[in-house]
Amino acid sequence: MAITPSHSGSPFRVKRHPLSDDVLGEAATAEEAVALAVRHLPADLGPAVAGTVEQDG
């Protein structure tokens, strides 16, 4: 997900991917933008871990 500057009034635009045109929504504050992004995270998302896919084998 990506939070980018908006072009239609609200300061923040939440997109599914930084290079995508798939906009999940817009928000007036950074806090609202983060909350919007969190609502779209998969329910089974695990913790972030250091390393790469190749290292995890």
N, C-alpha and C. Protein backbone atom coordinates (compact mmCIF):
# COMPACT_ATOMS: atom_id res chain seq x y z
N MET A 1 0.82 -1.17 0.00
CA MET A 1 0.00 0.00 0.00
C MET A 1 0.87 1.24 0.00
N ALA A 2 0.27 2.32 -0.46
CA ALA A 2 1.00 3.58 -0.51
C ALA A 2 0.09 4.72 -0.11
N ILE A 3 0.62 5.68 0.61
CA ILE A 3 -0.10 6.90 0.93
C ILE A 3 0.62 8.01 0.16
N THR A 4 -0.11 8.64 -0.74
CA THR A 4 0.47 9.64 -1.63
C THR A 4 -0.31 10.95 -1.55
N PRO A 5 0.26 12.04 -2.04
CA PRO A 5 -0.50 13.29 -2.09
C PRO A 5 -1.73 13.13 -2.97
N SER A 6 -2.81 13.73 -2.59
CA SER A 6 -4.05 13.68 -3.36
C SER A 6 -4.06 14.79 -4.39
N HIS A 7 -4.98 14.67 -5.34
CA HIS A 7 -5.12 15.70 -6.36
C HIS A 7 -6.53 16.27 -6.40
N SER A 8 -7.38 15.89 -5.42
CA SER A 8 -8.77 16.33 -5.49
C SER A 8 -9.28 16.89 -4.17
N GLY A 9 -8.45 17.61 -3.44
CA GLY A 9 -8.94 18.26 -2.23
C GLY A 9 -8.37 17.70 -0.94
N SER A 10 -8.49 16.42 -0.71
CA SER A 10 -7.94 15.83 0.51
C SER A 10 -6.43 15.75 0.38
N PRO A 11 -5.70 15.96 1.48
CA PRO A 11 -4.24 15.94 1.38
C PRO A 11 -3.63 14.57 1.11
N PHE A 12 -4.32 13.48 1.46
CA PHE A 12 -3.72 12.16 1.33
C PHE A 12 -4.60 11.22 0.51
N ARG A 13 -3.95 10.41 -0.32
CA ARG A 13 -4.63 9.39 -1.12
C ARG A 13 -3.99 8.05 -0.77
N VAL A 14 -4.81 7.05 -0.46
CA VAL A 14 -4.31 5.72 -0.13
C VAL A 14 -4.52 4.82 -1.35
N LYS A 15 -3.39 4.26 -1.83
CA LYS A 15 -3.44 3.42 -3.03
C LYS A 15 -3.02 2.00 -2.68
N ARG A 16 -3.53 1.05 -3.42
CA ARG A 16 -3.18 -0.36 -3.19
C ARG A 16 -1.69 -0.59 -3.43
N HIS A 17 -1.10 0.10 -4.39
CA HIS A 17 0.32 -0.02 -4.73
C HIS A 17 0.79 1.35 -5.21
N PRO A 18 2.03 1.74 -4.91
CA PRO A 18 2.50 3.08 -5.30
C PRO A 18 2.36 3.39 -6.79
N LEU A 19 2.51 2.40 -7.64
CA LEU A 19 2.46 2.64 -9.09
C LEU A 19 1.09 2.34 -9.68
N SER A 20 0.12 1.97 -8.85
CA SER A 20 -1.21 1.59 -9.31
C SER A 20 -2.15 2.79 -9.34
N ASP A 21 -3.17 2.69 -10.15
CA ASP A 21 -4.24 3.69 -10.15
C ASP A 21 -5.39 3.24 -9.25
N ASP A 22 -5.23 2.13 -8.55
CA ASP A 22 -6.26 1.57 -7.67
C ASP A 22 -6.27 2.33 -6.34
N VAL A 23 -7.11 3.35 -6.24
CA VAL A 23 -7.19 4.20 -5.06
C VAL A 23 -8.20 3.60 -4.09
N LEU A 24 -7.76 3.35 -2.85
CA LEU A 24 -8.65 2.81 -1.83
C LEU A 24 -9.48 3.90 -1.17
N GLY A 25 -8.97 5.12 -1.17
CA GLY A 25 -9.70 6.24 -0.59
C GLY A 25 -8.80 7.43 -0.36
N GLU A 26 -9.39 8.52 0.13
CA GLU A 26 -8.65 9.73 0.44
C GLU A 26 -8.94 10.13 1.88
N ALA A 27 -8.02 10.84 2.49
CA ALA A 27 -8.15 11.23 3.88
C ALA A 27 -7.64 12.64 4.10
N ALA A 28 -8.20 13.30 5.11
CA ALA A 28 -7.84 14.68 5.41
C ALA A 28 -6.58 14.78 6.26
N THR A 29 -6.28 13.73 7.03
CA THR A 29 -5.10 13.77 7.91
C THR A 29 -4.27 12.50 7.70
N ALA A 30 -3.01 12.58 8.14
CA ALA A 30 -2.13 11.41 8.05
C ALA A 30 -2.70 10.26 8.89
N GLU A 31 -3.23 10.57 10.05
CA GLU A 31 -3.80 9.54 10.92
C GLU A 31 -4.96 8.81 10.25
N GLU A 32 -5.83 9.57 9.58
CA GLU A 32 -6.95 8.96 8.86
C GLU A 32 -6.45 8.11 7.69
N ALA A 33 -5.40 8.56 7.01
CA ALA A 33 -4.83 7.80 5.89
C ALA A 33 -4.26 6.47 6.37
N VAL A 34 -3.56 6.49 7.49
CA VAL A 34 -3.00 5.25 8.04
C VAL A 34 -4.13 4.32 8.47
N ALA A 35 -5.15 4.84 9.12
CA ALA A 35 -6.28 4.01 9.54
C ALA A 35 -6.97 3.38 8.33
N LEU A 36 -7.11 4.12 7.25
CA LEU A 36 -7.70 3.59 6.03
C LEU A 36 -6.85 2.46 5.46
N ALA A 37 -5.54 2.67 5.44
CA ALA A 37 -4.64 1.63 4.94
C ALA A 37 -4.72 0.37 5.81
N VAL A 38 -4.74 0.54 7.12
CA VAL A 38 -4.80 -0.60 8.04
C VAL A 38 -6.10 -1.39 7.83
N ARG A 39 -7.20 -0.71 7.58
CA ARG A 39 -8.48 -1.41 7.35
C ARG A 39 -8.43 -2.31 6.12
N HIS A 40 -7.51 -2.04 5.20
CA HIS A 40 -7.42 -2.84 3.98
C HIS A 40 -6.34 -3.92 4.04
N LEU A 41 -5.66 -4.07 5.18
CA LEU A 41 -4.66 -5.13 5.31
C LEU A 41 -5.35 -6.48 5.43
N PRO A 42 -4.75 -7.54 4.89
CA PRO A 42 -5.34 -8.87 5.02
C PRO A 42 -5.42 -9.30 6.48
N ALA A 43 -6.48 -10.02 6.83
CA ALA A 43 -6.68 -10.47 8.22
C ALA A 43 -5.57 -11.41 8.68
N ASP A 44 -4.99 -12.18 7.74
CA ASP A 44 -3.98 -13.17 8.11
C ASP A 44 -2.55 -12.67 7.91
N LEU A 45 -2.37 -11.37 7.83
CA LEU A 45 -1.04 -10.79 7.63
C LEU A 45 -0.17 -11.07 8.85
N GLY A 46 0.99 -11.63 8.62
CA GLY A 46 1.91 -11.95 9.71
C GLY A 46 2.86 -10.81 9.99
N PRO A 47 3.76 -10.98 10.95
CA PRO A 47 4.70 -9.92 11.30
C PRO A 47 5.76 -9.74 10.22
N ALA A 48 6.33 -8.55 10.18
CA ALA A 48 7.46 -8.29 9.29
C ALA A 48 8.70 -8.96 9.86
N VAL A 49 9.53 -9.49 8.99
CA VAL A 49 10.77 -10.14 9.41
C VAL A 49 11.92 -9.64 8.55
N ALA A 50 13.11 -9.63 9.11
CA ALA A 50 14.29 -9.22 8.36
C ALA A 50 14.70 -10.32 7.40
N GLY A 51 15.28 -9.94 6.28
CA GLY A 51 15.77 -10.91 5.32
C GLY A 51 15.03 -10.81 4.01
N THR A 52 15.29 -11.77 3.14
CA THR A 52 14.65 -11.83 1.83
C THR A 52 14.01 -13.20 1.65
N VAL A 53 13.20 -13.30 0.65
CA VAL A 53 12.56 -14.59 0.34
C VAL A 53 13.61 -15.65 0.08
N GLU A 54 14.68 -15.26 -0.61
CA GLU A 54 15.74 -16.21 -0.94
C GLU A 54 16.41 -16.74 0.33
N GLN A 55 16.59 -15.88 1.34
CA GLN A 55 17.23 -16.31 2.59
C GLN A 55 16.32 -17.25 3.37
N ASP A 56 15.02 -17.04 3.27
CA ASP A 56 14.09 -17.87 4.03
C ASP A 56 13.87 -19.22 3.38
N GLY A 57 14.27 -19.34 2.12
CA GLY A 57 14.31 -20.56 1.40
C GLY A 57 13.13 -21.32 1.18
